[in-house]
Amino acid sequence: IGSADHGLVEPTLMLLRSYHVSVQQEACELIVHLINYEEVSQSILCGLVALLRPSAEERTSQQHHHQTMSTPPAILSDESVGQIPAPLPIFVQQAGAARVLGA
């Protein structure tokens, strides 16, 4: 591929919110490849930093969504693991962004 479209950046970054490890892994690999394209590299880096530091509005929105989910992911219902008080998607996206930046 000779170039990368800007339309790929945000959907690809949002894959880092997935609870599925395989989806996150594929997203990380795609981001590592996309970052080599000059036309999208700056957008990707800015997006990764934004995922590391979500806005107060995004944190509040995620927390509200987390509290009103009708069927939470099984990991949230597992009594054998500690309960996470903050919205899990925020932690998941931060871990995914950190993984890509460390690659």
N, C-alpha and C. Protein backbone atom coordinates (compact mmCIF):
# COMPACT_ATOMS: atom_id res chain seq x y z
N ILE A 1 0.86 -1.17 0.00
CA ILE A 1 0.00 0.00 0.00
C ILE A 1 0.90 1.23 0.00
N GLY A 2 0.59 2.18 -0.88
CA GLY A 2 1.40 3.37 -1.01
C GLY A 2 1.08 4.46 -0.02
N SER A 3 -0.15 4.50 0.50
CA SER A 3 -0.53 5.54 1.45
C SER A 3 -1.60 5.01 2.40
N ALA A 4 -1.82 5.77 3.47
CA ALA A 4 -2.84 5.38 4.46
C ALA A 4 -3.86 6.49 4.57
N ASP A 5 -5.11 6.12 4.66
CA ASP A 5 -6.20 7.09 4.74
C ASP A 5 -6.43 7.52 6.19
N HIS A 6 -6.71 8.79 6.39
CA HIS A 6 -6.97 9.31 7.75
C HIS A 6 -8.20 8.65 8.38
N GLY A 7 -9.10 8.13 7.56
CA GLY A 7 -10.30 7.47 8.07
C GLY A 7 -10.01 6.20 8.85
N LEU A 8 -8.81 5.67 8.73
CA LEU A 8 -8.43 4.46 9.46
C LEU A 8 -8.00 4.74 10.89
N VAL A 9 -7.58 5.96 11.17
CA VAL A 9 -6.94 6.26 12.45
C VAL A 9 -7.89 6.07 13.63
N GLU A 10 -8.99 6.81 13.68
CA GLU A 10 -9.86 6.74 14.86
C GLU A 10 -10.47 5.37 15.09
N PRO A 11 -11.04 4.72 14.05
CA PRO A 11 -11.58 3.37 14.31
C PRO A 11 -10.52 2.38 14.80
N THR A 12 -9.31 2.51 14.27
CA THR A 12 -8.24 1.60 14.70
C THR A 12 -7.86 1.87 16.15
N LEU A 13 -7.76 3.14 16.52
CA LEU A 13 -7.45 3.48 17.92
C LEU A 13 -8.55 3.00 18.86
N MET A 14 -9.79 3.06 18.42
CA MET A 14 -10.90 2.63 19.29
C MET A 14 -10.89 1.12 19.52
N LEU A 15 -10.22 0.38 18.65
CA LEU A 15 -10.08 -1.06 18.87
C LEU A 15 -9.27 -1.36 20.13
N LEU A 16 -8.48 -0.39 20.58
CA LEU A 16 -7.70 -0.57 21.81
C LEU A 16 -8.59 -0.62 23.04
N ARG A 17 -9.87 -0.31 22.91
CA ARG A 17 -10.82 -0.40 24.03
C ARG A 17 -11.42 -1.80 24.16
N SER A 18 -11.12 -2.66 23.22
CA SER A 18 -11.71 -3.99 23.22
C SER A 18 -11.25 -4.79 24.43
N TYR A 19 -12.16 -5.59 24.99
CA TYR A 19 -11.82 -6.49 26.09
C TYR A 19 -11.12 -7.76 25.58
N HIS A 20 -11.14 -7.95 24.26
CA HIS A 20 -10.58 -9.15 23.67
C HIS A 20 -9.11 -8.94 23.34
N VAL A 21 -8.27 -9.76 23.91
CA VAL A 21 -6.83 -9.63 23.74
C VAL A 21 -6.43 -9.74 22.28
N SER A 22 -7.05 -10.65 21.55
CA SER A 22 -6.68 -10.83 20.15
C SER A 22 -7.02 -9.60 19.31
N VAL A 23 -8.12 -8.94 19.62
CA VAL A 23 -8.49 -7.70 18.91
C VAL A 23 -7.48 -6.61 19.23
N GLN A 24 -7.13 -6.48 20.49
CA GLN A 24 -6.12 -5.49 20.88
C GLN A 24 -4.78 -5.77 20.22
N GLN A 25 -4.38 -7.02 20.18
CA GLN A 25 -3.10 -7.38 19.56
C GLN A 25 -3.09 -7.01 18.08
N GLU A 26 -4.16 -7.34 17.38
CA GLU A 26 -4.23 -6.99 15.96
C GLU A 26 -4.24 -5.48 15.76
N ALA A 27 -4.94 -4.76 16.63
CA ALA A 27 -4.97 -3.29 16.54
C ALA A 27 -3.57 -2.73 16.77
N CYS A 28 -2.86 -3.25 17.74
CA CYS A 28 -1.49 -2.80 18.01
C CYS A 28 -0.59 -3.02 16.80
N GLU A 29 -0.69 -4.18 16.19
CA GLU A 29 0.13 -4.48 15.02
C GLU A 29 -0.22 -3.55 13.86
N LEU A 30 -1.51 -3.30 13.65
CA LEU A 30 -1.93 -2.39 12.59
C LEU A 30 -1.43 -0.97 12.85
N ILE A 31 -1.53 -0.52 14.08
CA ILE A 31 -1.08 0.83 14.43
C ILE A 31 0.43 0.96 14.21
N VAL A 32 1.18 -0.07 14.58
CA VAL A 32 2.63 -0.04 14.38
C VAL A 32 2.95 0.08 12.89
N HIS A 33 2.18 -0.58 12.04
CA HIS A 33 2.40 -0.47 10.60
C HIS A 33 1.96 0.90 10.08
N LEU A 34 0.80 1.37 10.53
CA LEU A 34 0.28 2.65 10.06
C LEU A 34 1.15 3.83 10.45
N ILE A 35 1.81 3.73 11.58
CA ILE A 35 2.61 4.84 12.07
C ILE A 35 3.79 5.14 11.13
N ASN A 36 4.12 4.20 10.27
CA ASN A 36 5.19 4.41 9.30
C ASN A 36 4.75 5.28 8.11
N TYR A 37 3.45 5.53 7.99
CA TYR A 37 2.94 6.37 6.91
C TYR A 37 2.89 7.82 7.38
N GLU A 38 3.64 8.65 6.71
CA GLU A 38 3.79 10.05 7.11
C GLU A 38 2.46 10.78 7.23
N GLU A 39 1.51 10.47 6.35
CA GLU A 39 0.24 11.20 6.34
C GLU A 39 -0.63 10.93 7.57
N VAL A 40 -0.40 9.83 8.29
CA VAL A 40 -1.22 9.52 9.47
C VAL A 40 -0.43 9.40 10.76
N SER A 41 0.88 9.43 10.69
CA SER A 41 1.68 9.18 11.89
C SER A 41 1.41 10.20 13.00
N GLN A 42 1.29 11.48 12.66
CA GLN A 42 1.02 12.50 13.68
C GLN A 42 -0.35 12.29 14.32
N SER A 43 -1.35 11.96 13.52
CA SER A 43 -2.69 11.71 14.05
C SER A 43 -2.71 10.50 14.99
N ILE A 44 -1.97 9.48 14.63
CA ILE A 44 -1.91 8.28 15.47
C ILE A 44 -1.25 8.60 16.80
N LEU A 45 -0.12 9.29 16.76
CA LEU A 45 0.58 9.63 18.00
C LEU A 45 -0.28 10.50 18.90
N CYS A 46 -0.94 11.50 18.33
CA CYS A 46 -1.84 12.36 19.12
C CYS A 46 -2.99 11.55 19.70
N GLY A 47 -3.53 10.63 18.91
CA GLY A 47 -4.62 9.78 19.38
C GLY A 47 -4.20 8.86 20.51
N LEU A 48 -3.00 8.31 20.42
CA LEU A 48 -2.49 7.44 21.48
C LEU A 48 -2.30 8.20 22.78
N VAL A 49 -1.76 9.41 22.68
CA VAL A 49 -1.59 10.24 23.87
C VAL A 49 -2.95 10.59 24.46
N ALA A 50 -3.92 10.89 23.61
CA ALA A 50 -5.28 11.20 24.10
C ALA A 50 -5.89 10.01 24.82
N LEU A 51 -5.61 8.79 24.35
CA LEU A 51 -6.13 7.60 25.03
C LEU A 51 -5.49 7.42 26.40
N LEU A 52 -4.25 7.85 26.53
CA LEU A 52 -3.57 7.75 27.82
C LEU A 52 -4.13 8.74 28.83
N ARG A 53 -4.64 9.88 28.32
CA ARG A 53 -5.15 10.94 29.20
C ARG A 53 -6.58 11.29 28.80
N PRO A 54 -7.55 10.45 29.11
CA PRO A 54 -8.93 10.74 28.72
C PRO A 54 -9.45 11.99 29.45
N SER A 55 -10.31 12.72 28.78
CA SER A 55 -10.87 13.94 29.36
C SER A 55 -11.82 13.58 30.51
N ALA A 56 -12.11 14.57 31.35
CA ALA A 56 -13.04 14.36 32.46
C ALA A 56 -14.41 13.96 31.93
N GLU A 57 -14.80 14.56 30.81
CA GLU A 57 -16.09 14.23 30.20
C GLU A 57 -16.14 12.77 29.76
N GLU A 58 -15.06 12.30 29.15
CA GLU A 58 -15.01 10.92 28.71
C GLU A 58 -15.02 9.95 29.89
N ARG A 59 -14.30 10.29 30.95
CA ARG A 59 -14.29 9.44 32.15
C ARG A 59 -15.68 9.36 32.76
N THR A 60 -16.38 10.50 32.85
CA THR A 60 -17.73 10.52 33.40
C THR A 60 -18.69 9.72 32.52
N SER A 61 -18.57 9.89 31.21
CA SER A 61 -19.42 9.16 30.27
C SER A 61 -19.19 7.66 30.38
N GLN A 62 -17.93 7.24 30.45
CA GLN A 62 -17.62 5.82 30.57
C GLN A 62 -18.11 5.24 31.89
N GLN A 63 -18.00 6.04 32.96
CA GLN A 63 -18.45 5.55 34.26
C GLN A 63 -19.96 5.37 34.25
N HIS A 64 -20.69 6.31 33.65
CA HIS A 64 -22.14 6.19 33.56
C HIS A 64 -22.52 4.97 32.73
N HIS A 65 -21.84 4.78 31.61
CA HIS A 65 -22.12 3.62 30.76
C HIS A 65 -21.83 2.33 31.52
N HIS A 66 -20.74 2.31 32.26
CA HIS A 66 -20.33 1.14 33.04
C HIS A 66 -21.41 0.78 34.07
N GLN A 67 -22.01 1.78 34.69
CA GLN A 67 -23.01 1.55 35.73
C GLN A 67 -24.36 1.11 35.16
N THR A 68 -24.65 1.48 33.90
CA THR A 68 -25.96 1.19 33.33
C THR A 68 -25.95 0.02 32.35
N MET A 69 -24.84 -0.71 32.22
CA MET A 69 -24.79 -1.84 31.31
C MET A 69 -25.75 -2.92 31.78
N SER A 70 -26.54 -3.45 30.85
CA SER A 70 -27.48 -4.50 31.22
C SER A 70 -26.77 -5.85 31.36
N THR A 71 -25.80 -6.12 30.52
CA THR A 71 -25.04 -7.36 30.61
C THR A 71 -23.55 -7.01 30.59
N PRO A 72 -22.97 -6.80 31.76
CA PRO A 72 -21.55 -6.46 31.80
C PRO A 72 -20.70 -7.64 31.35
N PRO A 73 -19.48 -7.36 30.87
CA PRO A 73 -18.58 -8.46 30.49
C PRO A 73 -18.36 -9.41 31.67
N ALA A 74 -18.14 -10.67 31.38
CA ALA A 74 -17.98 -11.69 32.42
C ALA A 74 -16.88 -11.35 33.41
N ILE A 75 -15.83 -10.69 32.94
CA ILE A 75 -14.72 -10.35 33.83
C ILE A 75 -15.17 -9.43 34.96
N LEU A 76 -16.20 -8.61 34.71
CA LEU A 76 -16.70 -7.70 35.74
C LEU A 76 -17.55 -8.43 36.78
N SER A 77 -18.04 -9.61 36.44
CA SER A 77 -18.89 -10.38 37.35
C SER A 77 -18.12 -11.47 38.08
N ASP A 78 -16.88 -11.66 37.73
CA ASP A 78 -16.07 -12.73 38.32
C ASP A 78 -15.67 -12.35 39.75
N GLU A 79 -16.18 -13.08 40.72
CA GLU A 79 -15.92 -12.76 42.12
C GLU A 79 -14.53 -13.19 42.57
N SER A 80 -13.82 -13.96 41.74
CA SER A 80 -12.49 -14.40 42.12
C SER A 80 -11.43 -13.33 41.87
N VAL A 81 -11.80 -12.28 41.17
CA VAL A 81 -10.85 -11.17 40.93
C VAL A 81 -11.35 -9.93 41.65
N GLY A 82 -10.44 -9.04 41.97
CA GLY A 82 -10.81 -7.81 42.65
C GLY A 82 -11.69 -6.93 41.79
N GLN A 83 -12.55 -6.16 42.42
CA GLN A 83 -13.43 -5.26 41.70
C GLN A 83 -12.70 -3.96 41.38
N ILE A 84 -12.88 -3.48 40.19
CA ILE A 84 -12.24 -2.25 39.74
C ILE A 84 -13.25 -1.12 39.84
N PRO A 85 -12.99 -0.10 40.67
CA PRO A 85 -13.98 0.93 40.89
C PRO A 85 -14.18 1.88 39.71
N ALA A 86 -13.17 2.13 38.95
CA ALA A 86 -13.28 3.06 37.82
C ALA A 86 -13.71 2.29 36.58
N PRO A 87 -14.14 3.00 35.54
CA PRO A 87 -14.58 2.32 34.32
C PRO A 87 -13.45 1.52 33.68
N LEU A 88 -13.70 0.25 33.49
CA LEU A 88 -12.70 -0.65 32.91
C LEU A 88 -12.25 -0.23 31.51
N PRO A 89 -13.15 0.24 30.62
CA PRO A 89 -12.67 0.61 29.28
C PRO A 89 -11.57 1.66 29.29
N ILE A 90 -11.58 2.55 30.26
CA ILE A 90 -10.52 3.57 30.35
C ILE A 90 -9.18 2.88 30.62
N PHE A 91 -9.16 1.95 31.55
CA PHE A 91 -7.92 1.23 31.87
C PHE A 91 -7.46 0.38 30.68
N VAL A 92 -8.42 -0.24 30.01
CA VAL A 92 -8.10 -1.08 28.86
C VAL A 92 -7.47 -0.24 27.76
N GLN A 93 -8.08 0.92 27.46
CA GLN A 93 -7.54 1.76 26.38
C GLN A 93 -6.17 2.32 26.76
N GLN A 94 -5.97 2.64 28.03
CA GLN A 94 -4.67 3.14 28.45
C GLN A 94 -3.60 2.05 28.32
N ALA A 95 -3.94 0.84 28.68
CA ALA A 95 -3.00 -0.27 28.54
C ALA A 95 -2.66 -0.53 27.08
N GLY A 96 -3.67 -0.47 26.22
CA GLY A 96 -3.44 -0.67 24.79
C GLY A 96 -2.57 0.42 24.20
N ALA A 97 -2.84 1.67 24.55
CA ALA A 97 -2.04 2.79 24.04
C ALA A 97 -0.60 2.68 24.53
N ALA A 98 -0.43 2.34 25.79
CA ALA A 98 0.92 2.20 26.35
C ALA A 98 1.68 1.06 25.65
N ARG A 99 0.97 -0.02 25.34
CA ARG A 99 1.59 -1.16 24.65
C ARG A 99 2.12 -0.74 23.27
N VAL A 100 1.32 0.05 22.55
CA VAL A 100 1.74 0.49 21.21
C VAL A 100 2.91 1.45 21.31
N LEU A 101 2.84 2.39 22.25
CA LEU A 101 3.92 3.36 22.38
C LEU A 101 5.22 2.71 22.82
N GLY A 102 5.12 1.60 23.55
CA GLY A 102 6.31 0.89 23.99
C GLY A 102 6.90 -0.03 22.95
N ALA A 103 6.15 -0.25 21.86
CA ALA A 103 6.60 -1.20 20.82
C ALA A 103 7.72 -0.61 19.98
